[in-house]
Amino acid sequence: MKRRLAIRWLTALACLLALPFLTWIPAALVRLAIGINPNPKGVFNTLLLCLYAPVFLASLLLSHVAHYLVFAIAGLVLALAALALLLARERGQVFRRARFYLLIACVVSVMAFPLAFRYRPAVEAAQGVEMRIVNQPGLLDGAVRSCQAHAEVYTEVYVPLGWADEHTLVYRVHTCDPGPLRLACGHFSNWASGDAPLWAYDVETGRRAPYTADEGSLTQDTCGFHACIKPRLDTEWFFSGRSGSSDGLVSPDGRWVAFTARHVYGPEDLLVISR
């Protein structure tokens, strides 16, 4: 009796903590259906509207690394503990229990989330055009940034400053850590005041390192977004929230252009695209 009660409580808590990850499953299915039918009408539009609120709330909960880790680790631990007790109690009959499949769904949704929802910047390069993401995130950071894009949260702003040579871009990044009790930072002007450290990005190797040379020696040739960047993009969800952020910085050899692209009210990326 005590074991049965423990299984029920552990299952309930595991499902509650895994709910933000489970919410994305129907959204992913609808996205797949829309991929097959790129002009959704009728039932697809209705499904999207119904799923918008839960997906937005789930994304908001997972849009901070600390929040994400709490939900993921606690959900996994509780789900695995409930599975262990269920297997010990039911043994060969466990496959007949709906609770078993529910717990499996919790575990799979949490573990597969970073792989299934990898981060994509706000623009995509056209076929044959190379594009580098200067702030390329890993699996965990990519999952969090995907949630930030859906929840319209951003904690970083990038300022490209110029080129040190043909393949070294120098930039400044302003960051804001909202903390575990806040989900978003305020307006850019409220937290990006003052000088942030300078970074150098090597386009050829993808490595980043602090930049300590003279900032005044940088090459700062610019080009307009619509003139030299947009023609090389395939899909565009571009949004410029700051004056001049859409201008590109051309490398000394003219091969690369650096620019910022931002999801609508969401995270911003520093990108380098080939010419």
Protein backbone atom coordinates (compact mmCIF):
# COMPACT_ATOMS: atom_id res chain seq x y z
CA MET A 1 0.00 0.00 0.00
CA LYS A 2 2.80 2.44 0.90
CA ARG A 3 4.69 1.56 -2.28
CA ARG A 4 1.58 2.15 -4.40
CA LEU A 5 1.04 5.55 -2.77
CA ALA A 6 4.70 6.47 -3.29
CA ILE A 7 4.45 5.54 -6.97
CA ARG A 8 1.38 7.72 -7.40
CA TRP A 9 3.00 10.73 -5.75
CA LEU A 10 6.26 10.33 -7.62
CA THR A 11 4.42 9.96 -10.93
CA ALA A 12 2.33 13.07 -10.28
CA LEU A 13 5.36 15.17 -9.36
CA ALA A 14 7.42 13.84 -12.28
CA CYS A 15 4.65 14.66 -14.76
CA LEU A 16 4.24 18.13 -13.26
CA LEU A 17 7.94 18.92 -13.63
CA ALA A 18 8.14 17.37 -17.10
CA LEU A 19 5.01 19.18 -18.29
CA PRO A 20 6.94 22.07 -19.91
CA PHE A 21 8.80 19.51 -22.04
CA LEU A 22 5.68 17.42 -22.75
CA THR A 23 3.84 20.53 -23.94
CA TRP A 24 6.17 20.76 -26.92
CA ILE A 25 5.18 17.33 -28.29
CA PRO A 26 1.83 18.36 -29.84
CA ALA A 27 3.43 21.60 -31.01
CA ALA A 28 6.14 19.59 -32.78
CA LEU A 29 3.52 17.40 -34.46
CA VAL A 30 1.64 20.46 -35.70
CA ARG A 31 4.93 21.96 -36.92
CA LEU A 32 5.63 18.74 -38.82
CA ALA A 33 2.18 18.85 -40.39
CA ILE A 34 2.71 22.46 -41.42
CA GLY A 35 6.03 21.48 -42.95
CA ILE A 36 4.14 19.07 -45.18
CA ASN A 37 1.47 21.69 -45.86
CA PRO A 38 3.23 25.11 -45.81
CA ASN A 39 -0.06 27.00 -46.17
CA PRO A 40 -2.05 25.80 -43.16
CA LYS A 41 -5.74 26.53 -43.07
CA GLY A 42 -8.74 25.55 -41.04
CA VAL A 43 -7.89 22.89 -38.49
CA PHE A 44 -4.13 23.68 -38.50
CA ASN A 45 -4.72 27.34 -37.70
CA THR A 46 -7.10 26.33 -34.92
CA LEU A 47 -4.54 23.91 -33.46
CA LEU A 48 -1.82 26.55 -33.58
CA LEU A 49 -3.99 29.04 -31.71
CA CYS A 50 -4.88 26.43 -29.07
CA LEU A 51 -1.23 25.46 -28.58
CA TYR A 52 0.16 28.99 -28.51
CA ALA A 53 -0.64 29.73 -24.86
CA PRO A 54 0.72 26.47 -23.33
CA VAL A 55 3.84 26.53 -25.53
CA PHE A 56 4.48 30.18 -24.63
CA LEU A 57 4.15 29.45 -20.91
CA ALA A 58 6.34 26.35 -21.16
CA SER A 59 8.97 28.32 -23.08
CA LEU A 60 8.86 31.07 -20.48
CA LEU A 61 9.51 28.56 -17.69
CA LEU A 62 12.47 27.06 -19.56
CA SER A 63 13.98 30.33 -20.84
CA HIS A 64 16.51 30.57 -18.01
CA VAL A 65 19.30 28.02 -17.55
CA ALA A 66 18.62 27.62 -13.82
CA HIS A 67 14.90 27.04 -14.40
CA TYR A 68 15.64 24.58 -17.21
CA LEU A 69 18.04 22.53 -15.07
CA VAL A 70 15.64 22.40 -12.11
CA PHE A 71 12.74 21.13 -14.21
CA ALA A 72 14.91 18.72 -16.24
CA ILE A 73 16.93 17.17 -13.39
CA ALA A 74 14.09 16.99 -10.88
CA GLY A 75 11.69 15.60 -13.48
CA LEU A 76 14.16 12.92 -14.58
CA VAL A 77 15.05 11.86 -11.04
CA LEU A 78 11.43 11.56 -9.95
CA ALA A 79 10.36 9.78 -13.14
CA LEU A 80 13.20 7.25 -12.88
CA ALA A 81 12.47 6.67 -9.20
CA ALA A 82 8.80 6.05 -9.97
CA LEU A 83 9.77 3.68 -12.78
CA ALA A 84 12.09 1.72 -10.48
CA LEU A 85 9.34 1.31 -7.86
CA LEU A 86 6.80 0.40 -10.52
CA LEU A 87 9.08 -2.24 -12.03
CA ALA A 88 9.80 -3.70 -8.61
CA ARG A 89 6.09 -3.88 -7.79
CA GLU A 90 4.58 -4.97 -11.10
CA ARG A 91 7.46 -6.95 -12.60
CA GLY A 92 6.21 -8.69 -15.74
CA GLN A 93 2.86 -6.87 -15.65
CA VAL A 94 4.38 -3.40 -15.88
CA PHE A 95 3.75 -3.16 -19.64
CA ARG A 96 0.01 -3.29 -18.97
CA ARG A 97 0.11 -0.16 -16.82
CA ALA A 98 -0.63 3.21 -18.40
CA ARG A 99 1.51 4.82 -15.71
CA PHE A 100 4.57 3.05 -17.13
CA TYR A 101 4.15 4.68 -20.57
CA LEU A 102 3.41 8.05 -19.02
CA LEU A 103 6.67 7.93 -17.08
CA ILE A 104 8.56 6.82 -20.19
CA ALA A 105 7.09 9.81 -22.04
CA CYS A 106 8.33 12.12 -19.28
CA VAL A 107 11.86 10.72 -19.46
CA VAL A 108 12.02 10.78 -23.27
CA SER A 109 10.61 14.30 -23.54
CA VAL A 110 13.21 15.71 -21.15
CA MET A 111 16.17 13.87 -22.67
CA ALA A 112 15.20 14.42 -26.31
CA PHE A 113 14.29 18.10 -25.93
CA PRO A 114 17.80 19.55 -26.56
CA LEU A 115 18.18 17.37 -29.66
CA ALA A 116 14.71 17.92 -31.10
CA PHE A 117 14.62 21.68 -30.52
CA ARG A 118 18.06 22.88 -31.44
CA TYR A 119 18.41 26.63 -31.69
CA ARG A 120 18.14 28.33 -35.06
CA PRO A 121 19.03 32.00 -35.59
CA ALA A 122 16.50 34.45 -36.97
CA VAL A 123 17.82 34.10 -40.54
CA GLU A 124 19.01 31.30 -42.77
CA ALA A 125 21.58 31.57 -45.54
CA ALA A 126 20.64 30.90 -49.14
CA GLN A 127 21.91 27.78 -50.85
CA GLY A 128 25.64 27.99 -51.56
CA VAL A 129 26.18 30.83 -49.08
CA GLU A 130 28.21 30.18 -45.92
CA MET A 131 27.05 31.54 -42.59
CA ARG A 132 28.77 31.43 -39.20
CA ILE A 133 27.07 31.92 -35.83
CA VAL A 134 29.57 33.77 -33.65
CA ASN A 135 27.66 32.91 -30.46
CA GLN A 136 27.04 29.27 -31.45
CA PRO A 137 25.35 27.67 -28.40
CA GLY A 138 25.81 24.11 -27.16
CA LEU A 139 22.98 21.64 -26.59
CA LEU A 140 21.82 23.05 -23.26
CA ASP A 141 22.27 26.71 -24.18
CA GLY A 142 20.67 26.03 -27.56
CA ALA A 143 17.58 24.53 -25.95
CA VAL A 144 17.29 27.51 -23.60
CA ARG A 145 17.71 29.97 -26.49
CA SER A 146 15.01 28.13 -28.46
CA CYS A 147 12.69 28.68 -25.52
CA GLN A 148 13.74 32.33 -25.33
CA ALA A 149 12.86 32.76 -29.00
CA HIS A 150 9.33 31.43 -28.40
CA ALA A 151 8.90 33.31 -25.13
CA GLU A 152 10.28 36.59 -26.55
CA VAL A 153 13.08 36.83 -23.98
CA TYR A 154 16.61 38.07 -24.61
CA THR A 155 19.60 38.44 -22.29
CA GLU A 156 22.41 39.33 -24.72
CA VAL A 157 23.06 42.14 -27.19
CA TYR A 158 25.96 42.04 -29.66
CA VAL A 159 27.83 45.05 -31.02
CA PRO A 160 30.19 44.26 -33.94
CA LEU A 161 33.06 46.79 -33.85
CA GLY A 162 35.22 45.93 -36.87
CA TRP A 163 37.73 43.52 -38.37
CA ALA A 164 41.26 43.07 -37.06
CA ASP A 165 42.25 41.24 -40.26
CA GLU A 166 40.63 39.30 -43.11
CA HIS A 167 39.16 36.61 -40.84
CA THR A 168 39.08 38.09 -37.31
CA LEU A 169 35.92 39.91 -36.22
CA VAL A 170 36.03 42.03 -33.07
CA TYR A 171 32.84 42.61 -31.13
CA ARG A 172 31.41 43.52 -27.76
CA VAL A 173 28.62 41.60 -26.04
CA HIS A 174 26.40 43.05 -23.35
CA THR A 175 24.79 40.45 -21.11
CA CYS A 176 22.12 40.53 -18.47
CA ASP A 177 21.50 37.75 -15.98
CA PRO A 178 17.90 38.12 -14.80
CA GLY A 179 18.50 35.68 -11.95
CA PRO A 180 16.38 32.66 -10.98
CA LEU A 181 13.44 34.80 -9.82
CA ARG A 182 13.23 37.00 -12.95
CA LEU A 183 12.51 35.70 -16.43
CA ALA A 184 13.73 38.63 -18.50
CA CYS A 185 15.89 41.73 -18.43
CA GLY A 186 14.60 45.21 -18.92
CA HIS A 187 15.18 47.38 -21.99
CA PHE A 188 18.65 47.28 -23.54
CA SER A 189 19.47 50.85 -22.47
CA ASN A 190 18.82 49.95 -18.82
CA TRP A 191 21.48 47.26 -18.52
CA ALA A 192 23.98 47.71 -21.36
CA SER A 193 25.54 50.95 -20.16
CA GLY A 194 29.31 51.05 -19.82
CA ASP A 195 32.00 49.14 -21.67
CA ALA A 196 31.86 45.37 -21.92
CA PRO A 197 34.93 43.20 -22.69
CA LEU A 198 36.06 42.92 -26.30
CA TRP A 199 36.11 39.56 -28.05
CA ALA A 200 37.76 38.37 -31.25
CA TYR A 201 36.14 35.69 -33.42
CA ASP A 202 38.09 33.76 -36.05
CA VAL A 203 35.82 32.97 -38.98
CA GLU A 204 38.09 30.19 -40.24
CA THR A 205 38.45 28.23 -36.99
CA GLY A 206 35.34 29.34 -35.08
CA ARG A 207 37.40 30.15 -31.99
CA ARG A 208 36.75 33.10 -29.70
CA ALA A 209 39.28 34.85 -27.49
CA PRO A 210 39.57 38.15 -25.58
CA TYR A 211 40.76 41.03 -27.76
CA THR A 212 43.44 43.22 -26.18
CA ALA A 213 44.82 45.19 -29.14
CA ASP A 214 43.96 48.77 -30.05
CA GLU A 215 40.29 49.17 -30.99
CA GLY A 216 41.16 52.14 -33.19
CA SER A 217 43.03 49.93 -35.68
CA LEU A 218 39.94 47.96 -36.69
CA THR A 219 38.56 48.08 -40.23
CA GLN A 220 34.98 49.37 -40.21
CA ASP A 221 33.76 49.34 -43.79
CA THR A 222 29.96 49.00 -43.78
CA CYS A 223 27.24 48.00 -46.20
CA GLY A 224 23.47 48.21 -45.97
CA PHE A 225 21.40 45.20 -45.00
CA HIS A 226 19.16 45.28 -48.08
CA ALA A 227 22.11 45.79 -50.41
CA CYS A 228 24.60 43.08 -49.41
CA ILE A 229 22.96 40.83 -46.80
CA LYS A 230 19.31 40.23 -47.64
CA PRO A 231 20.01 38.89 -51.18
CA ARG A 232 22.09 36.12 -49.57
CA LEU A 233 19.38 34.99 -47.16
CA ASP A 234 16.88 32.24 -47.86
CA THR A 235 14.50 32.63 -44.92
CA GLU A 236 14.21 35.87 -43.03
CA TRP A 237 12.67 36.53 -39.61
CA PHE A 238 14.81 39.62 -39.25
CA PHE A 239 13.98 42.25 -36.67
CA SER A 240 16.12 45.25 -35.85
CA GLY A 241 15.34 46.75 -32.48
CA ARG A 242 18.32 49.13 -32.31
CA SER A 243 19.40 51.91 -34.62
CA GLY A 244 22.05 50.81 -37.09
CA SER A 245 22.08 47.16 -36.00
CA SER A 246 21.12 46.02 -39.49
CA ASP A 247 24.25 47.47 -41.15
CA GLY A 248 26.92 44.95 -42.09
CA LEU A 249 30.66 45.18 -41.43
CA VAL A 250 32.68 44.02 -44.44
CA SER A 251 35.96 42.18 -43.91
CA PRO A 252 39.11 43.78 -45.44
CA ASP A 253 39.21 41.22 -48.27
CA GLY A 254 35.50 41.67 -48.97
CA ARG A 255 34.73 37.98 -48.42
CA TRP A 256 32.66 38.21 -45.24
CA VAL A 257 29.98 40.49 -43.80
CA ALA A 258 29.15 40.58 -40.08
CA PHE A 259 25.70 41.63 -38.90
CA THR A 260 23.20 41.08 -36.10
CA ALA A 261 19.87 39.32 -36.49
CA ARG A 262 17.25 39.10 -33.82
CA HIS A 263 14.08 37.13 -33.33
CA VAL A 264 11.07 39.38 -32.83
CA TYR A 265 11.56 40.51 -29.22
CA GLY A 266 13.68 37.38 -28.74
CA PRO A 267 17.39 36.49 -28.58
CA GLU A 268 19.90 38.22 -30.81
CA ASP A 269 22.75 36.61 -32.75
CA LEU A 270 25.96 37.89 -34.26
CA LEU A 271 26.35 36.32 -37.70
CA VAL A 272 28.98 36.31 -40.42
CA ILE A 273 27.89 35.59 -43.97
CA SER A 274 29.99 35.04 -47.08
CA ARG A 275 29.83 37.37 -50.07
